[in-house]
Structure formats: structure tokens, C-alpha cells
Amino acid sequence: MYTNPGVAAIFGYTFFEFMTVESIFELVAANNRDFVGDRINQCFQSPNKSLSCTFKGRRKDGSLIDVQVYGTKTKFSGKPVIIGVLSLT
């Protein structure tokens, strides 16, 4: 996982702290994880290869924020990945 310092700051992390987050699901509110997981799976399996959703994110301090993400499936080093943009709503 890679991000820019701005996304790390949205979630209350320094850039280097953010790079140690083990799973993107740590950044998703518990009651939104299935929804986000389904959207990610659809992006990888769908012919249109796009991801678009709004959900509750979880900051480092545990507070919740509303975020929106847009992404596209591509390949990086031969492996499928999603590259995208995340913003506050």
C-alpha cells in the first residue's frame, strides 16, 4: 500500500505511521467493512474495473469521518491493484 502524505493526514497519521497500517480495513469503520470489502471485490471482478463509494472512515484516534473513494483496477509489478483518490465528504 502506498499513499501520499495528505491521505495519511486525513486519517490522523504521519506518512511513516501510515505506511505501517497492515490493512486498509483498519481505516474503515467496523460497520462499513463488509460494504467496502464488497465494493473492492466487485472492482477486481467486474469488467468495468472501477470503484466508487462513500463510507465511514476510522482515524488513528478512533474518531469517524465521512470519506469518498474513486478508483480503477490496474496492474503493478504484474499484480492487480486499485489506484484511486480519497477525499473527505
PDB file of N, CA and C in Angstrom:
ATOM      1  N   MET A   1       0.850  -1.171   0.000  1.00  0.00           N
ATOM      2  CA  MET A   1       0.000   0.000   0.000  1.00  0.00           C
ATOM      3  C   MET A   1       0.893   1.230   0.000  1.00  0.00           C
ATOM      4  N   TYR A   2       0.539   2.195  -0.816  1.00  0.00           N
ATOM      5  CA  TYR A   2       1.240   3.476  -0.850  1.00  0.00           C
ATOM      6  C   TYR A   2       0.196   4.581  -0.798  1.00  0.00           C
ATOM      7  N   THR A   3       0.561   5.683  -0.214  1.00  0.00           N
ATOM      8  CA  THR A   3      -0.312   6.849  -0.210  1.00  0.00           C
ATOM      9  C   THR A   3       0.525   8.111  -0.209  1.00  0.00           C
ATOM     10  N   ASN A   4      -0.135   9.220  -0.390  1.00  0.00           N
ATOM     11  CA  ASN A   4       0.560  10.484  -0.249  1.00  0.00           C
ATOM     12  C   ASN A   4       0.358  11.009   1.170  1.00  0.00           C
ATOM     13  N   PRO A   5       1.158  11.958   1.605  1.00  0.00           N
ATOM     14  CA  PRO A   5       1.038  12.471   2.976  1.00  0.00           C
ATOM     15  C   PRO A   5      -0.329  13.074   3.295  1.00  0.00           C
ATOM     16  N   GLY A   6      -1.034  13.590   2.298  1.00  0.00           N
ATOM     17  CA  GLY A   6      -2.356  14.173   2.535  1.00  0.00           C
ATOM     18  C   GLY A   6      -3.379  13.156   3.001  1.00  0.00           C
ATOM     19  N   VAL A   7      -3.369  11.973   2.408  1.00  0.00           N
ATOM     20  CA  VAL A   7      -4.302  10.921   2.828  1.00  0.00           C
ATOM     21  C   VAL A   7      -3.945  10.446   4.236  1.00  0.00           C
ATOM     22  N   ALA A   8      -2.668  10.305   4.508  1.00  0.00           N
ATOM     23  CA  ALA A   8      -2.242   9.926   5.864  1.00  0.00           C
ATOM     24  C   ALA A   8      -2.764  10.938   6.874  1.00  0.00           C
ATOM     25  N   ALA A   9      -2.659  12.220   6.560  1.00  0.00           N
ATOM     26  CA  ALA A   9      -3.123  13.274   7.472  1.00  0.00           C
ATOM     27  C   ALA A   9      -4.635  13.221   7.671  1.00  0.00           C
ATOM     28  N   ILE A  10      -5.395  12.906   6.616  1.00  0.00           N
ATOM     29  CA  ILE A  10      -6.851  12.783   6.756  1.00  0.00           C
ATOM     30  C   ILE A  10      -7.189  11.781   7.850  1.00  0.00           C
ATOM     31  N   PHE A  11      -6.423  10.709   7.937  1.00  0.00           N
ATOM     32  CA  PHE A  11      -6.672   9.670   8.931  1.00  0.00           C
ATOM     33  C   PHE A  11      -5.899   9.884  10.234  1.00  0.00           C
ATOM     34  N   GLY A  12      -5.187  11.007  10.353  1.00  0.00           N
ATOM     35  CA  GLY A  12      -4.512  11.349  11.601  1.00  0.00           C
ATOM     36  C   GLY A  12      -3.161  10.694  11.795  1.00  0.00           C
ATOM     37  N   TYR A  13      -2.561  10.207  10.740  1.00  0.00           N
ATOM     38  CA  TYR A  13      -1.260   9.546  10.812  1.00  0.00           C
ATOM     39  C   TYR A  13      -0.190  10.429  10.182  1.00  0.00           C
ATOM     40  N   THR A  14       1.056  10.239  10.595  1.00  0.00           N
ATOM     41  CA  THR A  14       2.158  10.768   9.815  1.00  0.00           C
ATOM     42  C   THR A  14       2.314   9.837   8.617  1.00  0.00           C
ATOM     43  N   PHE A  15       3.046  10.295   7.618  1.00  0.00           N
ATOM     44  CA  PHE A  15       3.272   9.460   6.438  1.00  0.00           C
ATOM     45  C   PHE A  15       3.903   8.128   6.827  1.00  0.00           C
ATOM     46  N   PHE A  16       4.910   8.172   7.699  1.00  0.00           N
ATOM     47  CA  PHE A  16       5.615   6.933   8.068  1.00  0.00           C
ATOM     48  C   PHE A  16       4.745   6.027   8.927  1.00  0.00           C
ATOM     49  N   GLU A  17       3.923   6.587   9.807  1.00  0.00           N
ATOM     50  CA  GLU A  17       2.985   5.764  10.576  1.00  0.00           C
ATOM     51  C   GLU A  17       1.993   5.077   9.639  1.00  0.00           C
ATOM     52  N   PHE A  18       1.519   5.830   8.664  1.00  0.00           N
ATOM     53  CA  PHE A  18       0.519   5.305   7.746  1.00  0.00           C
ATOM     54  C   PHE A  18       1.049   4.113   6.969  1.00  0.00           C
ATOM     55  N   MET A  19       2.316   4.138   6.653  1.00  0.00           N
ATOM     56  CA  MET A  19       2.912   3.033   5.896  1.00  0.00           C
ATOM     57  C   MET A  19       2.964   1.739   6.714  1.00  0.00           C
ATOM     58  N   THR A  20       2.769   1.818   8.028  1.00  0.00           N
ATOM     59  CA  THR A  20       2.773   0.611   8.858  1.00  0.00           C
ATOM     60  C   THR A  20       1.371   0.036   9.070  1.00  0.00           C
ATOM     61  N   VAL A  21       0.338   0.710   8.568  1.00  0.00           N
ATOM     62  CA  VAL A  21      -1.026   0.182   8.668  1.00  0.00           C
ATOM     63  C   VAL A  21      -1.068  -1.120   7.879  1.00  0.00           C
ATOM     64  N   GLU A  22      -1.472  -2.188   8.540  1.00  0.00           N
ATOM     65  CA  GLU A  22      -1.405  -3.518   7.919  1.00  0.00           C
ATOM     66  C   GLU A  22      -2.507  -3.779   6.896  1.00  0.00           C
ATOM     67  N   SER A  23      -3.656  -3.154   7.068  1.00  0.00           N
ATOM     68  CA  SER A  23      -4.775  -3.409   6.170  1.00  0.00           C
ATOM     69  C   SER A  23      -5.573  -2.122   5.993  1.00  0.00           C
ATOM     70  N   ILE A  24      -6.076  -1.904   4.790  1.00  0.00           N
ATOM     71  CA  ILE A  24      -6.914  -0.727   4.591  1.00  0.00           C
ATOM     72  C   ILE A  24      -8.176  -0.801   5.443  1.00  0.00           C
ATOM     73  N   PHE A  25      -8.550  -1.991   5.867  1.00  0.00           N
ATOM     74  CA  PHE A  25      -9.748  -2.133   6.684  1.00  0.00           C
ATOM     75  C   PHE A  25      -9.574  -1.555   8.082  1.00  0.00           C
ATOM     76  N   GLU A  26      -8.331  -1.292   8.497  1.00  0.00           N
ATOM     77  CA  GLU A  26      -8.098  -0.569   9.750  1.00  0.00           C
ATOM     78  C   GLU A  26      -8.590   0.868   9.633  1.00  0.00           C
ATOM     79  N   LEU A  27      -8.751   1.362   8.420  1.00  0.00           N
ATOM     80  CA  LEU A  27      -9.158   2.737   8.154  1.00  0.00           C
ATOM     81  C   LEU A  27     -10.647   2.865   7.881  1.00  0.00           C
ATOM     82  N   VAL A  28     -11.373   1.755   8.020  1.00  0.00           N
ATOM     83  CA  VAL A  28     -12.806   1.721   7.738  1.00  0.00           C
ATOM     84  C   VAL A  28     -13.542   1.412   9.037  1.00  0.00           C
ATOM     85  N   ALA A  29     -14.610   2.167   9.305  1.00  0.00           N
ATOM     86  CA  ALA A  29     -15.434   1.893  10.487  1.00  0.00           C
ATOM     87  C   ALA A  29     -15.899   0.446  10.447  1.00  0.00           C
ATOM     88  N   ALA A  30     -15.936  -0.188  11.610  1.00  0.00           N
ATOM     89  CA  ALA A  30     -16.253  -1.619  11.693  1.00  0.00           C
ATOM     90  C   ALA A  30     -17.554  -1.970  10.970  1.00  0.00           C
ATOM     91  N   ASN A  31     -18.582  -1.140  11.118  1.00  0.00           N
ATOM     92  CA  ASN A  31     -19.868  -1.477  10.499  1.00  0.00           C
ATOM     93  C   ASN A  31     -19.912  -1.169   9.003  1.00  0.00           C
ATOM     94  N   ASN A  32     -18.817  -0.678   8.423  1.00  0.00           N
ATOM     95  CA  ASN A  32     -18.744  -0.412   6.978  1.00  0.00           C
ATOM     96  C   ASN A  32     -17.778  -1.362   6.266  1.00  0.00           C
ATOM     97  N   ARG A  33     -17.095  -2.221   7.006  1.00  0.00           N
ATOM     98  CA  ARG A  33     -16.045  -3.066   6.415  1.00  0.00           C
ATOM     99  C   ARG A  33     -16.591  -4.044   5.385  1.00  0.00           C
ATOM    100  N   ASP A  34     -17.718  -4.672   5.646  1.00  0.00           N
ATOM    101  CA  ASP A  34     -18.299  -5.598   4.663  1.00  0.00           C
ATOM    102  C   ASP A  34     -18.666  -4.860   3.384  1.00  0.00           C
ATOM    103  N   PHE A  35     -19.265  -3.688   3.524  1.00  0.00           N
ATOM    104  CA  PHE A  35     -19.649  -2.873   2.373  1.00  0.00           C
ATOM    105  C   PHE A  35     -18.427  -2.517   1.527  1.00  0.00           C
ATOM    106  N   VAL A  36     -17.372  -2.013   2.166  1.00  0.00           N
ATOM    107  CA  VAL A  36     -16.166  -1.624   1.438  1.00  0.00           C
ATOM    108  C   VAL A  36     -15.503  -2.853   0.821  1.00  0.00           C
ATOM    109  N   GLY A  37     -15.456  -3.956   1.554  1.00  0.00           N
ATOM    110  CA  GLY A  37     -14.886  -5.188   1.023  1.00  0.00           C
ATOM    111  C   GLY A  37     -15.635  -5.668  -0.212  1.00  0.00           C
ATOM    112  N   ASP A  38     -16.965  -5.578  -0.178  1.00  0.00           N
ATOM    113  CA  ASP A  38     -17.770  -5.959  -1.345  1.00  0.00           C
ATOM    114  C   ASP A  38     -17.467  -5.070  -2.539  1.00  0.00           C
ATOM    115  N   ARG A  39     -17.338  -3.775  -2.309  1.00  0.00           N
ATOM    116  CA  ARG A  39     -17.026  -2.837  -3.402  1.00  0.00           C
ATOM    117  C   ARG A  39     -15.654  -3.134  -4.008  1.00  0.00           C
ATOM    118  N   ILE A  40     -14.680  -3.434  -3.153  1.00  0.00           N
ATOM    119  CA  ILE A  40     -13.336  -3.765  -3.646  1.00  0.00           C
ATOM    120  C   ILE A  40     -13.383  -5.047  -4.469  1.00  0.00           C
ATOM    121  N   ASN A  41     -14.066  -6.065  -3.958  1.00  0.00           N
ATOM    122  CA  ASN A  41     -14.196  -7.326  -4.706  1.00  0.00           C
ATOM    123  C   ASN A  41     -14.885  -7.113  -6.047  1.00  0.00           C
ATOM    124  N   GLN A  42     -15.931  -6.293  -6.074  1.00  0.00           N
ATOM    125  CA  GLN A  42     -16.623  -6.001  -7.326  1.00  0.00           C
ATOM    126  C   GLN A  42     -15.689  -5.329  -8.328  1.00  0.00           C
ATOM    127  N   CYS A  43     -14.836  -4.430  -7.821  1.00  0.00           N
ATOM    128  CA  CYS A  43     -13.892  -3.748  -8.708  1.00  0.00           C
ATOM    129  C   CYS A  43     -12.932  -4.747  -9.346  1.00  0.00           C
ATOM    130  N   PHE A  44     -12.431  -5.682  -8.556  1.00  0.00           N
ATOM    131  CA  PHE A  44     -11.492  -6.665  -9.087  1.00  0.00           C
ATOM    132  C   PHE A  44     -12.169  -7.666 -10.036  1.00  0.00           C
ATOM    133  N   GLN A  45     -13.446  -7.945  -9.812  1.00  0.00           N
ATOM    134  CA  GLN A  45     -14.124  -8.967 -10.603  1.00  0.00           C
ATOM    135  C   GLN A  45     -14.949  -8.417 -11.759  1.00  0.00           C
ATOM    136  N   SER A  46     -15.263  -7.144 -11.729  1.00  0.00           N
ATOM    137  CA  SER A  46     -16.140  -6.551 -12.732  1.00  0.00           C
ATOM    138  C   SER A  46     -15.375  -6.166 -13.993  1.00  0.00           C
ATOM    139  N   PRO A  47     -16.022  -6.300 -15.139  1.00  0.00           N
ATOM    140  CA  PRO A  47     -15.370  -5.884 -16.387  1.00  0.00           C
ATOM    141  C   PRO A  47     -15.086  -4.376 -16.454  1.00  0.00           C
ATOM    142  N   ASN A  48     -15.872  -3.539 -15.734  1.00  0.00           N
ATOM    143  CA  ASN A  48     -15.661  -2.093 -15.848  1.00  0.00           C
ATOM    144  C   ASN A  48     -14.484  -1.598 -15.002  1.00  0.00           C
ATOM    145  N   LYS A  49     -13.980  -2.402 -14.085  1.00  0.00           N
ATOM    146  CA  LYS A  49     -12.747  -2.138 -13.339  1.00  0.00           C
ATOM    147  C   LYS A  49     -12.738  -0.854 -12.525  1.00  0.00           C
ATOM    148  N   SER A  50     -13.899  -0.370 -12.066  1.00  0.00           N
ATOM    149  CA  SER A  50     -13.905   0.872 -11.303  1.00  0.00           C
ATOM    150  C   SER A  50     -14.490   0.684  -9.913  1.00  0.00           C
ATOM    151  N   LEU A  51     -14.084   1.575  -9.021  1.00  0.00           N
ATOM    152  CA  LEU A  51     -14.534   1.567  -7.635  1.00  0.00           C
ATOM    153  C   LEU A  51     -15.022   2.965  -7.309  1.00  0.00           C
ATOM    154  N   SER A  52     -16.183   3.058  -6.708  1.00  0.00           N
ATOM    155  CA  SER A  52     -16.722   4.342  -6.283  1.00  0.00           C
ATOM    156  C   SER A  52     -17.627   4.089  -5.088  1.00  0.00           C
ATOM    157  N   CYS A  53     -17.292   4.696  -3.948  1.00  0.00           N
ATOM    158  CA  CYS A  53     -18.167   4.544  -2.791  1.00  0.00           C
ATOM    159  C   CYS A  53     -17.858   5.602  -1.733  1.00  0.00           C
ATOM    160  N   THR A  54     -18.833   5.803  -0.868  1.00  0.00           N
ATOM    161  CA  THR A  54     -18.718   6.689   0.284  1.00  0.00           C
ATOM    162  C   THR A  54     -18.920   5.828   1.518  1.00  0.00           C
ATOM    163  N   PHE A  55     -18.108   6.053   2.539  1.00  0.00           N
ATOM    164  CA  PHE A  55     -18.195   5.248   3.751  1.00  0.00           C
ATOM    165  C   PHE A  55     -17.626   6.011   4.944  1.00  0.00           C
ATOM    166  N   LYS A  56     -17.824   5.438   6.123  1.00  0.00           N
ATOM    167  CA  LYS A  56     -17.251   5.993   7.344  1.00  0.00           C
ATOM    168  C   LYS A  56     -15.829   5.472   7.498  1.00  0.00           C
ATOM    169  N   GLY A  57     -14.890   6.391   7.543  1.00  0.00           N
ATOM    170  CA  GLY A  57     -13.510   6.029   7.799  1.00  0.00           C
ATOM    171  C   GLY A  57     -13.207   6.144   9.283  1.00  0.00           C
ATOM    172  N   ARG A  58     -12.167   5.451   9.727  1.00  0.00           N
ATOM    173  CA  ARG A  58     -11.764   5.482  11.141  1.00  0.00           C
ATOM    174  C   ARG A  58     -10.362   6.058  11.237  1.00  0.00           C
ATOM    175  N   ARG A  59     -10.257   7.191  11.926  1.00  0.00           N
ATOM    176  CA  ARG A  59      -8.970   7.844  12.124  1.00  0.00           C
ATOM    177  C   ARG A  59      -8.146   7.121  13.187  1.00  0.00           C
ATOM    178  N   LYS A  60      -6.875   7.454  13.263  1.00  0.00           N
ATOM    179  CA  LYS A  60      -5.960   6.854  14.231  1.00  0.00           C
ATOM    180  C   LYS A  60      -6.494   6.977  15.659  1.00  0.00           C
ATOM    181  N   ASP A  61      -7.127   8.101  15.988  1.00  0.00           N
ATOM    182  CA  ASP A  61      -7.653   8.314  17.337  1.00  0.00           C
ATOM    183  C   ASP A  61      -9.004   7.640  17.565  1.00  0.00           C
ATOM    184  N   GLY A  62      -9.515   6.925  16.557  1.00  0.00           N
ATOM    185  CA  GLY A  62     -10.783   6.211  16.683  1.00  0.00           C
ATOM    186  C   GLY A  62     -11.988   7.005  16.232  1.00  0.00           C
ATOM    187  N   SER A  63     -11.832   8.304  15.983  1.00  0.00           N
ATOM    188  CA  SER A  63     -12.971   9.101  15.532  1.00  0.00           C
ATOM    189  C   SER A  63     -13.340   8.710  14.104  1.00  0.00           C
ATOM    190  N   LEU A  64     -14.595   8.940  13.757  1.00  0.00           N
ATOM    191  CA  LEU A  64     -15.109   8.567  12.435  1.00  0.00           C
ATOM    192  C   LEU A  64     -15.226   9.782  11.539  1.00  0.00           C
ATOM    193  N   ILE A  65     -14.939   9.581  10.266  1.00  0.00           N
ATOM    194  CA  ILE A  65     -15.043  10.629   9.264  1.00  0.00           C
ATOM    195  C   ILE A  65     -15.755  10.067   8.036  1.00  0.00           C
ATOM    196  N   ASP A  66     -16.395  10.948   7.281  1.00  0.00           N
ATOM    197  CA  ASP A  66     -17.044  10.551   6.033  1.00  0.00           C
ATOM    198  C   ASP A  66     -16.050  10.733   4.903  1.00  0.00           C
ATOM    199  N   VAL A  67     -15.789   9.655   4.167  1.00  0.00           N
ATOM    200  CA  VAL A  67     -14.848   9.715   3.048  1.00  0.00           C
ATOM    201  C   VAL A  67     -15.492   9.145   1.794  1.00  0.00           C
ATOM    202  N   GLN A  68     -14.952   9.575   0.672  1.00  0.00           N
ATOM    203  CA  GLN A  68     -15.397   9.100  -0.627  1.00  0.00           C
ATOM    204  C   GLN A  68     -14.167   8.637  -1.385  1.00  0.00           C
ATOM    205  N   VAL A  69     -14.289   7.527  -2.092  1.00  0.00           N
ATOM    206  CA  VAL A  69     -13.157   6.997  -2.840  1.00  0.00           C
ATOM    207  C   VAL A  69     -13.590   6.664  -4.265  1.00  0.00           C
ATOM    208  N   TYR A  70     -12.707   6.985  -5.196  1.00  0.00           N
ATOM    209  CA  TYR A  70     -12.862   6.617  -6.600  1.00  0.00           C
ATOM    210  C   TYR A  70     -11.583   5.915  -7.008  1.00  0.00           C
ATOM    211  N   GLY A  71     -11.704   4.778  -7.659  1.00  0.00           N
ATOM    212  CA  GLY A  71     -10.514   4.049  -8.060  1.00  0.00           C
ATOM    213  C   GLY A  71     -10.714   3.257  -9.324  1.00  0.00           C
ATOM    214  N   THR A  72      -9.601   2.783  -9.853  1.00  0.00           N
ATOM    215  CA  THR A  72      -9.585   1.969 -11.062  1.00  0.00           C
ATOM    216  C   THR A  72      -8.619   0.814 -10.872  1.00  0.00           C
ATOM    217  N   LYS A  73      -9.040  -0.359 -11.321  1.00  0.00           N
ATOM    218  CA  LYS A  73      -8.163  -1.527 -11.249  1.00  0.00           C
ATOM    219  C   LYS A  73      -7.105  -1.433 -12.338  1.00  0.00           C
ATOM    220  N   THR A  74      -5.879  -1.767 -11.946  1.00  0.00           N
ATOM    221  CA  THR A  74      -4.775  -1.813 -12.894  1.00  0.00           C
ATOM    222  C   THR A  74      -3.806  -2.883 -12.421  1.00  0.00           C
ATOM    223  N   LYS A  75      -2.642  -2.950 -13.007  1.00  0.00           N
ATOM    224  CA  LYS A  75      -1.614  -3.897 -12.561  1.00  0.00           C
ATOM    225  C   LYS A  75      -0.373  -3.131 -12.144  1.00  0.00           C
ATOM    226  N   PHE A  76       0.261  -3.617 -11.094  1.00  0.00           N
ATOM    227  CA  PHE A  76       1.513  -3.057 -10.604  1.00  0.00           C
ATOM    228  C   PHE A  76       2.435  -4.228 -10.321  1.00  0.00           C
ATOM    229  N   SER A  77       3.571  -4.257 -10.975  1.00  0.00           N
ATOM    230  CA  SER A  77       4.510  -5.381 -10.860  1.00  0.00           C
ATOM    231  C   SER A  77       3.812  -6.709 -11.143  1.00  0.00           C
ATOM    232  N   GLY A  78       2.900  -6.686 -12.111  1.00  0.00           N
ATOM    233  CA  GLY A  78       2.211  -7.892 -12.528  1.00  0.00           C
ATOM    234  C   GLY A  78       1.056  -8.324 -11.645  1.00  0.00           C
ATOM    235  N   LYS A  79       0.763  -7.564 -10.588  1.00  0.00           N
ATOM    236  CA  LYS A  79      -0.323  -7.925  -9.673  1.00  0.00           C
ATOM    237  C   LYS A  79      -1.456  -6.911  -9.788  1.00  0.00           C
ATOM    238  N   PRO A  80      -2.709  -7.372  -9.651  1.00  0.00           N
ATOM    239  CA  PRO A  80      -3.822  -6.433  -9.713  1.00  0.00           C
ATOM    240  C   PRO A  80      -3.854  -5.538  -8.471  1.00  0.00           C
ATOM    241  N   VAL A  81      -4.050  -4.252  -8.704  1.00  0.00           N
ATOM    242  CA  VAL A  81      -4.159  -3.263  -7.628  1.00  0.00           C
ATOM    243  C   VAL A  81      -5.252  -2.277  -8.006  1.00  0.00           C
ATOM    244  N   ILE A  82      -5.663  -1.491  -7.025  1.00  0.00           N
ATOM    245  CA  ILE A  82      -6.594  -0.396  -7.286  1.00  0.00           C
ATOM    246  C   ILE A  82      -5.858   0.903  -6.965  1.00  0.00           C
ATOM    247  N   ILE A  83      -5.851   1.794  -7.928  1.00  0.00           N
ATOM    248  CA  ILE A  83      -5.274   3.112  -7.718  1.00  0.00           C
ATOM    249  C   ILE A  83      -6.425   4.107  -7.727  1.00  0.00           C
ATOM    250  N   GLY A  84      -6.389   5.065  -6.802  1.00  0.00           N
ATOM    251  CA  GLY A  84      -7.529   5.958  -6.748  1.00  0.00           C
ATOM    252  C   GLY A  84      -7.295   7.210  -5.954  1.00  0.00           C
ATOM    253  N   VAL A  85      -8.401   7.885  -5.706  1.00  0.00           N
ATOM    254  CA  VAL A  85      -8.422   9.155  -4.991  1.00  0.00           C
ATOM    255  C   VAL A  85      -9.394   9.030  -3.834  1.00  0.00           C
ATOM    256  N   LEU A  86      -8.989   9.541  -2.676  1.00  0.00           N
ATOM    257  CA  LEU A  86      -9.842   9.550  -1.498  1.00  0.00           C
ATOM    258  C   LEU A  86     -10.005  10.993  -1.060  1.00  0.00           C
ATOM    259  N   SER A  87     -11.220  11.371  -0.690  1.00  0.00           N
ATOM    260  CA  SER A  87     -11.455  12.722  -0.205  1.00  0.00           C
ATOM    261  C   SER A  87     -12.487  12.700   0.920  1.00  0.00           C
ATOM    262  N   LEU A  88     -12.470  13.759   1.709  1.00  0.00           N
ATOM    263  CA  LEU A  88     -13.491  13.937   2.735  1.00  0.00           C
ATOM    264  C   LEU A  88     -14.781  14.381   2.069  1.00  0.00           C
ATOM    265  N   THR A  89     -15.916  13.963   2.632  1.00  0.00           N
ATOM    266  CA  THR A  89     -17.202  14.413   2.067  1.00  0.00           C
ATOM    267  C   THR A  89     -17.816  15.449   2.967  1.00  0.00           C
TER     268      THR A  89
END
